[in-house]
N, C-alpha and C. Protein backbone atom coordinates (compact mmCIF):
# COMPACT_ATOMS: atom_id res chain seq x y z
N GLN A 1 -79.31 221.65 22.08
CA GLN A 1 -79.01 221.88 23.47
C GLN A 1 -80.11 222.73 24.11
N VAL A 2 -80.41 222.41 25.36
CA VAL A 2 -81.44 223.13 26.09
C VAL A 2 -80.77 224.05 27.10
N GLN A 3 -81.14 225.32 27.09
CA GLN A 3 -80.65 226.26 28.10
C GLN A 3 -81.75 226.49 29.12
N LEU A 4 -81.36 226.48 30.38
CA LEU A 4 -82.32 226.62 31.47
C LEU A 4 -81.93 227.80 32.35
N VAL A 5 -82.91 228.62 32.70
CA VAL A 5 -82.65 229.80 33.52
C VAL A 5 -83.65 229.84 34.67
N GLU A 6 -83.12 229.76 35.89
CA GLU A 6 -83.97 229.79 37.08
C GLU A 6 -84.17 231.21 37.58
N SER A 7 -85.26 231.41 38.28
CA SER A 7 -85.54 232.69 38.94
C SER A 7 -86.46 232.43 40.13
N GLY A 8 -86.58 233.43 41.00
CA GLY A 8 -87.52 233.33 42.11
C GLY A 8 -86.89 233.07 43.47
N GLY A 9 -85.59 232.87 43.50
CA GLY A 9 -84.95 232.65 44.80
C GLY A 9 -84.90 233.93 45.62
N GLY A 10 -84.49 233.77 46.88
CA GLY A 10 -84.39 234.94 47.74
C GLY A 10 -84.28 234.55 49.20
N LEU A 11 -84.49 235.55 50.06
CA LEU A 11 -84.43 235.37 51.50
C LEU A 11 -85.84 235.35 52.07
N VAL A 12 -86.14 234.36 52.88
CA VAL A 12 -87.48 234.24 53.46
C VAL A 12 -87.35 233.72 54.88
N GLN A 13 -88.30 234.07 55.72
CA GLN A 13 -88.29 233.56 57.09
C GLN A 13 -88.84 232.14 57.13
N ALA A 14 -88.45 231.41 58.13
CA ALA A 14 -88.96 230.06 58.32
C ALA A 14 -90.48 230.08 58.38
N GLY A 15 -91.09 229.12 57.70
CA GLY A 15 -92.54 229.07 57.60
C GLY A 15 -93.10 229.77 56.39
N GLY A 16 -92.26 230.54 55.72
CA GLY A 16 -92.68 231.28 54.55
C GLY A 16 -92.68 230.44 53.28
N SER A 17 -92.95 231.12 52.17
CA SER A 17 -93.06 230.44 50.88
C SER A 17 -92.26 231.18 49.81
N LEU A 18 -91.82 230.41 48.82
CA LEU A 18 -91.20 230.95 47.62
C LEU A 18 -91.64 230.10 46.44
N ARG A 19 -91.66 230.72 45.27
CA ARG A 19 -91.96 229.98 44.05
C ARG A 19 -90.82 230.18 43.06
N LEU A 20 -90.16 229.08 42.74
CA LEU A 20 -89.08 229.11 41.76
C LEU A 20 -89.63 228.81 40.37
N SER A 21 -89.03 229.45 39.38
CA SER A 21 -89.37 229.18 37.98
C SER A 21 -88.11 228.81 37.23
N CYS A 22 -88.28 228.01 36.21
CA CYS A 22 -87.17 227.61 35.34
C CYS A 22 -87.67 227.67 33.91
N ALA A 23 -87.11 228.61 33.15
CA ALA A 23 -87.51 228.77 31.76
C ALA A 23 -86.53 228.07 30.84
N ALA A 24 -87.05 227.30 29.89
CA ALA A 24 -86.22 226.56 28.94
C ALA A 24 -86.20 227.27 27.60
N SER A 25 -85.11 227.06 26.88
CA SER A 25 -84.91 227.81 25.63
C SER A 25 -85.52 227.16 24.41
N ARG A 26 -85.89 225.89 24.53
CA ARG A 26 -86.34 225.21 23.33
C ARG A 26 -87.71 224.57 23.50
N ARG A 27 -88.39 224.41 22.41
CA ARG A 27 -89.71 223.80 22.45
C ARG A 27 -89.62 222.32 22.79
N THR A 28 -88.44 221.71 22.63
CA THR A 28 -88.29 220.30 22.99
C THR A 28 -88.30 220.09 24.49
N PHE A 29 -88.45 221.16 25.22
CA PHE A 29 -88.66 221.09 26.67
C PHE A 29 -89.75 220.07 26.99
N SER A 30 -90.79 220.02 26.17
CA SER A 30 -91.92 219.14 26.46
C SER A 30 -91.58 217.67 26.30
N THR A 31 -90.44 217.35 25.69
CA THR A 31 -90.03 215.95 25.53
C THR A 31 -89.08 215.51 26.64
N SER A 32 -88.86 216.35 27.64
CA SER A 32 -87.94 216.03 28.73
C SER A 32 -88.68 215.94 30.06
N ASN A 33 -88.33 214.91 30.84
CA ASN A 33 -88.69 214.96 32.25
C ASN A 33 -87.86 216.08 32.88
N MET A 34 -88.42 216.76 33.87
CA MET A 34 -87.71 217.88 34.49
C MET A 34 -87.54 217.65 35.98
N GLY A 35 -86.41 218.11 36.50
CA GLY A 35 -86.15 217.94 37.92
C GLY A 35 -85.63 219.20 38.58
N TRP A 36 -85.79 219.27 39.88
CA TRP A 36 -85.17 220.30 40.71
C TRP A 36 -84.21 219.60 41.67
N PHE A 37 -83.03 220.17 41.81
CA PHE A 37 -82.02 219.69 42.73
C PHE A 37 -81.57 220.87 43.58
N ARG A 38 -80.90 220.58 44.68
CA ARG A 38 -80.37 221.66 45.51
C ARG A 38 -79.02 221.25 46.09
N GLN A 39 -78.22 222.26 46.39
CA GLN A 39 -76.92 222.01 46.99
C GLN A 39 -76.67 223.04 48.08
N ALA A 40 -76.52 222.53 49.30
CA ALA A 40 -76.21 223.38 50.44
C ALA A 40 -74.70 223.45 50.59
N PRO A 41 -74.20 224.49 51.26
CA PRO A 41 -72.74 224.62 51.43
C PRO A 41 -72.14 223.39 52.10
N GLY A 42 -71.09 222.86 51.52
CA GLY A 42 -70.41 221.72 52.08
C GLY A 42 -71.09 220.39 51.88
N LYS A 43 -72.18 220.39 51.12
CA LYS A 43 -72.92 219.14 50.89
C LYS A 43 -73.01 218.85 49.40
N GLU A 44 -73.31 217.59 49.09
CA GLU A 44 -73.49 217.20 47.70
C GLU A 44 -74.86 217.69 47.19
N ARG A 45 -74.92 217.84 45.89
CA ARG A 45 -76.19 218.18 45.27
C ARG A 45 -77.17 217.04 45.47
N GLU A 46 -78.40 217.37 45.86
CA GLU A 46 -79.39 216.34 46.13
C GLU A 46 -80.69 216.59 45.36
N PHE A 47 -81.36 215.50 45.09
CA PHE A 47 -82.64 215.53 44.39
C PHE A 47 -83.71 216.17 45.28
N VAL A 48 -84.58 216.98 44.66
CA VAL A 48 -85.69 217.59 45.38
C VAL A 48 -87.03 217.10 44.83
N ALA A 49 -87.21 217.24 43.51
CA ALA A 49 -88.51 216.88 42.92
C ALA A 49 -88.34 216.68 41.42
N ALA A 50 -89.28 215.94 40.83
CA ALA A 50 -89.28 215.71 39.39
C ALA A 50 -90.71 215.68 38.88
N VAL A 51 -90.85 216.02 37.60
CA VAL A 51 -92.16 215.99 36.96
C VAL A 51 -92.00 215.35 35.58
N SER A 52 -92.99 214.58 35.21
CA SER A 52 -92.95 213.86 33.93
C SER A 52 -93.17 214.82 32.76
N ARG A 53 -92.97 214.30 31.57
CA ARG A 53 -93.08 215.12 30.37
C ARG A 53 -94.44 215.81 30.25
N SER A 54 -95.48 215.07 30.57
CA SER A 54 -96.83 215.62 30.44
C SER A 54 -97.24 216.47 31.63
N GLY A 55 -96.53 216.27 32.74
CA GLY A 55 -96.90 216.96 33.98
C GLY A 55 -97.85 216.16 34.85
N ALA A 56 -98.24 214.99 34.37
CA ALA A 56 -99.24 214.20 35.09
C ALA A 56 -98.66 213.48 36.30
N SER A 57 -97.35 213.22 36.28
CA SER A 57 -96.73 212.49 37.38
C SER A 57 -95.62 213.31 38.01
N THR A 58 -95.50 213.15 39.33
CA THR A 58 -94.45 213.85 40.07
C THR A 58 -93.84 212.91 41.11
N ARG A 59 -92.66 213.25 41.56
CA ARG A 59 -92.04 212.54 42.67
C ARG A 59 -91.23 213.54 43.48
N TYR A 60 -91.05 213.22 44.77
CA TYR A 60 -90.41 214.15 45.69
C TYR A 60 -89.44 213.43 46.61
N ALA A 61 -88.44 214.16 47.05
CA ALA A 61 -87.60 213.68 48.14
C ALA A 61 -88.43 213.67 49.42
N ASP A 62 -88.14 212.73 50.30
CA ASP A 62 -88.90 212.63 51.55
C ASP A 62 -88.82 213.92 52.36
N SER A 63 -87.70 214.62 52.26
CA SER A 63 -87.49 215.81 53.08
C SER A 63 -88.40 216.98 52.68
N VAL A 64 -88.97 216.94 51.47
CA VAL A 64 -89.81 218.06 51.02
C VAL A 64 -91.25 217.62 50.74
N LYS A 65 -91.52 216.35 50.83
CA LYS A 65 -92.85 215.84 50.52
C LYS A 65 -93.89 216.50 51.43
N GLY A 66 -94.98 216.98 50.81
CA GLY A 66 -96.03 217.65 51.56
C GLY A 66 -95.82 219.14 51.73
N ARG A 67 -94.62 219.62 51.39
CA ARG A 67 -94.32 221.05 51.52
C ARG A 67 -94.03 221.71 50.16
N PHE A 68 -93.42 220.95 49.26
CA PHE A 68 -93.06 221.48 47.94
C PHE A 68 -93.97 220.87 46.87
N THR A 69 -94.21 221.65 45.82
CA THR A 69 -95.01 221.17 44.70
C THR A 69 -94.33 221.55 43.39
N ILE A 70 -94.06 220.54 42.56
CA ILE A 70 -93.47 220.78 41.25
C ILE A 70 -94.57 220.73 40.20
N SER A 71 -94.47 221.61 39.21
CA SER A 71 -95.43 221.62 38.12
C SER A 71 -94.74 222.18 36.88
N ARG A 72 -95.42 222.07 35.75
CA ARG A 72 -94.83 222.57 34.51
C ARG A 72 -95.93 223.10 33.60
N ASP A 73 -95.52 224.01 32.72
CA ASP A 73 -96.41 224.55 31.69
C ASP A 73 -95.67 224.41 30.37
N ASN A 74 -96.01 223.40 29.60
CA ASN A 74 -95.29 223.13 28.36
C ASN A 74 -95.52 224.23 27.32
N ALA A 75 -96.63 224.91 27.39
CA ALA A 75 -96.88 226.01 26.45
C ALA A 75 -95.92 227.18 26.69
N LYS A 76 -95.45 227.30 27.94
CA LYS A 76 -94.53 228.38 28.30
C LYS A 76 -93.10 227.89 28.48
N ASN A 77 -92.87 226.58 28.22
CA ASN A 77 -91.53 226.02 28.40
C ASN A 77 -90.97 226.31 29.79
N THR A 78 -91.80 226.16 30.80
CA THR A 78 -91.41 226.55 32.15
C THR A 78 -91.81 225.47 33.15
N VAL A 79 -90.91 225.23 34.11
CA VAL A 79 -91.20 224.34 35.23
C VAL A 79 -91.12 225.17 36.51
N TYR A 80 -91.96 224.83 37.47
CA TYR A 80 -92.07 225.59 38.71
C TYR A 80 -91.80 224.71 39.92
N LEU A 81 -91.39 225.35 41.00
CA LEU A 81 -91.27 224.67 42.29
C LEU A 81 -91.87 225.59 43.34
N GLN A 82 -93.06 225.25 43.80
CA GLN A 82 -93.70 225.99 44.88
C GLN A 82 -93.21 225.42 46.20
N MET A 83 -92.63 226.28 47.02
CA MET A 83 -92.04 225.83 48.28
C MET A 83 -92.77 226.51 49.43
N ASP A 84 -93.45 225.72 50.24
CA ASP A 84 -94.20 226.22 51.38
C ASP A 84 -93.61 225.67 52.68
N SER A 85 -93.97 226.29 53.79
CA SER A 85 -93.50 225.85 55.11
C SER A 85 -91.99 225.67 55.10
N LEU A 86 -91.29 226.65 54.58
CA LEU A 86 -89.84 226.54 54.44
C LEU A 86 -89.14 226.47 55.79
N LYS A 87 -88.06 225.72 55.81
CA LYS A 87 -87.26 225.51 57.01
C LYS A 87 -85.83 226.00 56.75
N PRO A 88 -85.10 226.34 57.80
CA PRO A 88 -83.70 226.75 57.60
C PRO A 88 -82.88 225.71 56.85
N GLU A 89 -83.18 224.44 57.05
CA GLU A 89 -82.43 223.39 56.36
C GLU A 89 -82.75 223.30 54.87
N ASP A 90 -83.71 224.09 54.40
CA ASP A 90 -83.97 224.16 52.96
C ASP A 90 -83.03 225.14 52.26
N THR A 91 -82.23 225.85 53.03
CA THR A 91 -81.29 226.82 52.46
C THR A 91 -80.30 226.10 51.55
N ALA A 92 -80.23 226.58 50.30
CA ALA A 92 -79.36 225.93 49.30
C ALA A 92 -79.45 226.71 47.99
N VAL A 93 -78.60 226.34 47.06
CA VAL A 93 -78.74 226.79 45.68
C VAL A 93 -79.60 225.74 44.96
N TYR A 94 -80.69 226.22 44.37
CA TYR A 94 -81.63 225.33 43.69
C TYR A 94 -81.43 225.43 42.18
N SER A 95 -81.32 224.25 41.55
CA SER A 95 -81.10 224.19 40.11
C SER A 95 -82.15 223.30 39.46
N CYS A 96 -82.59 223.71 38.29
CA CYS A 96 -83.46 222.83 37.52
C CYS A 96 -82.61 222.08 36.50
N ALA A 97 -83.13 220.95 36.06
CA ALA A 97 -82.39 220.11 35.14
C ALA A 97 -83.34 219.37 34.22
N ALA A 98 -82.88 219.10 33.02
CA ALA A 98 -83.69 218.40 32.02
C ALA A 98 -83.14 217.00 31.76
N ASP A 99 -84.06 216.05 31.75
CA ASP A 99 -83.72 214.65 31.50
C ASP A 99 -84.48 214.21 30.25
N PRO A 100 -83.85 214.26 29.09
CA PRO A 100 -84.55 213.91 27.85
C PRO A 100 -84.53 212.43 27.51
N ARG A 101 -83.77 211.64 28.29
CA ARG A 101 -83.53 210.24 27.87
C ARG A 101 -84.32 209.21 28.65
N SER A 102 -84.58 209.46 29.93
CA SER A 102 -85.22 208.44 30.76
C SER A 102 -86.68 208.26 30.39
N LEU A 103 -87.13 207.01 30.45
CA LEU A 103 -88.53 206.72 30.16
C LEU A 103 -89.43 207.26 31.26
N THR A 104 -88.94 207.16 32.50
CA THR A 104 -89.70 207.69 33.63
C THR A 104 -88.83 208.67 34.40
N MET A 105 -89.43 209.39 35.32
CA MET A 105 -88.72 210.40 36.09
C MET A 105 -87.57 209.77 36.87
N SER A 106 -86.46 210.46 36.88
CA SER A 106 -85.30 209.96 37.60
C SER A 106 -84.87 210.96 38.66
N SER A 107 -84.39 210.44 39.79
CA SER A 107 -83.84 211.29 40.83
C SER A 107 -82.32 211.37 40.74
N LEU A 108 -81.75 210.73 39.72
CA LEU A 108 -80.30 210.66 39.59
C LEU A 108 -79.75 211.88 38.85
N ARG A 109 -78.69 212.46 39.40
CA ARG A 109 -78.07 213.61 38.75
C ARG A 109 -77.56 213.25 37.35
N GLN A 110 -76.99 212.05 37.21
CA GLN A 110 -76.39 211.68 35.93
C GLN A 110 -77.41 211.45 34.84
N ALA A 111 -78.67 211.34 35.19
CA ALA A 111 -79.71 211.18 34.18
C ALA A 111 -80.09 212.50 33.52
N HIS A 112 -79.67 213.59 34.13
CA HIS A 112 -80.06 214.92 33.64
C HIS A 112 -78.92 215.52 32.83
N ASP A 113 -79.19 215.81 31.58
CA ASP A 113 -78.15 216.27 30.65
C ASP A 113 -77.95 217.78 30.67
N TYR A 114 -78.98 218.53 31.03
CA TYR A 114 -78.90 219.99 30.96
C TYR A 114 -79.26 220.59 32.32
N TRP A 115 -78.49 221.63 32.70
CA TRP A 115 -78.65 222.24 34.01
C TRP A 115 -78.71 223.75 33.91
N GLY A 116 -79.48 224.35 34.80
CA GLY A 116 -79.46 225.80 34.93
C GLY A 116 -78.32 226.23 35.83
N GLN A 117 -78.16 227.53 35.98
CA GLN A 117 -77.05 228.07 36.77
C GLN A 117 -77.36 228.08 38.26
N GLY A 118 -78.63 227.95 38.60
CA GLY A 118 -79.03 227.89 40.00
C GLY A 118 -79.50 229.23 40.54
N THR A 119 -80.33 229.16 41.57
CA THR A 119 -80.81 230.34 42.26
C THR A 119 -80.75 230.09 43.76
N GLN A 120 -80.30 231.09 44.50
CA GLN A 120 -80.08 230.93 45.94
C GLN A 120 -81.39 231.08 46.70
N VAL A 121 -81.63 230.14 47.59
CA VAL A 121 -82.75 230.22 48.53
C VAL A 121 -82.18 230.20 49.93
N THR A 122 -82.50 231.23 50.71
CA THR A 122 -82.02 231.31 52.08
C THR A 122 -83.21 231.46 53.02
N VAL A 123 -83.29 230.55 53.99
CA VAL A 123 -84.40 230.55 54.94
C VAL A 123 -83.83 230.88 56.32
N SER A 124 -84.28 231.98 56.88
CA SER A 124 -83.79 232.41 58.19
C SER A 124 -84.70 231.87 59.29
N SER A 125 -84.08 231.62 60.45
CA SER A 125 -84.84 231.06 61.57
C SER A 125 -85.41 232.16 62.45
């Protein structure tokens, strides 16, 4: 089993930046595609970004494309989400997730077997 712990959330003004980190407990982290999801109050959890096992490929939700950057460091068992030009609508609990089974990156929640507890991001206007 993989344990995931997020950090880096907080309160930021619109237009600002935050960098989220997600540390994994096992070295098999490198055999999993990794994703970031978010859930705003009263809304379903939605896909934000994903990165392939090697880190060479990424994909993003249209709502964050050009503003967010996902990356990973397999030597540190850590995945990152750099969030720039933040908007109030980015306010949500952000969770990282591990997908050890899919051949390619998936945006589907059900493809991800392991989840972190989440970190709150609040963007004020």
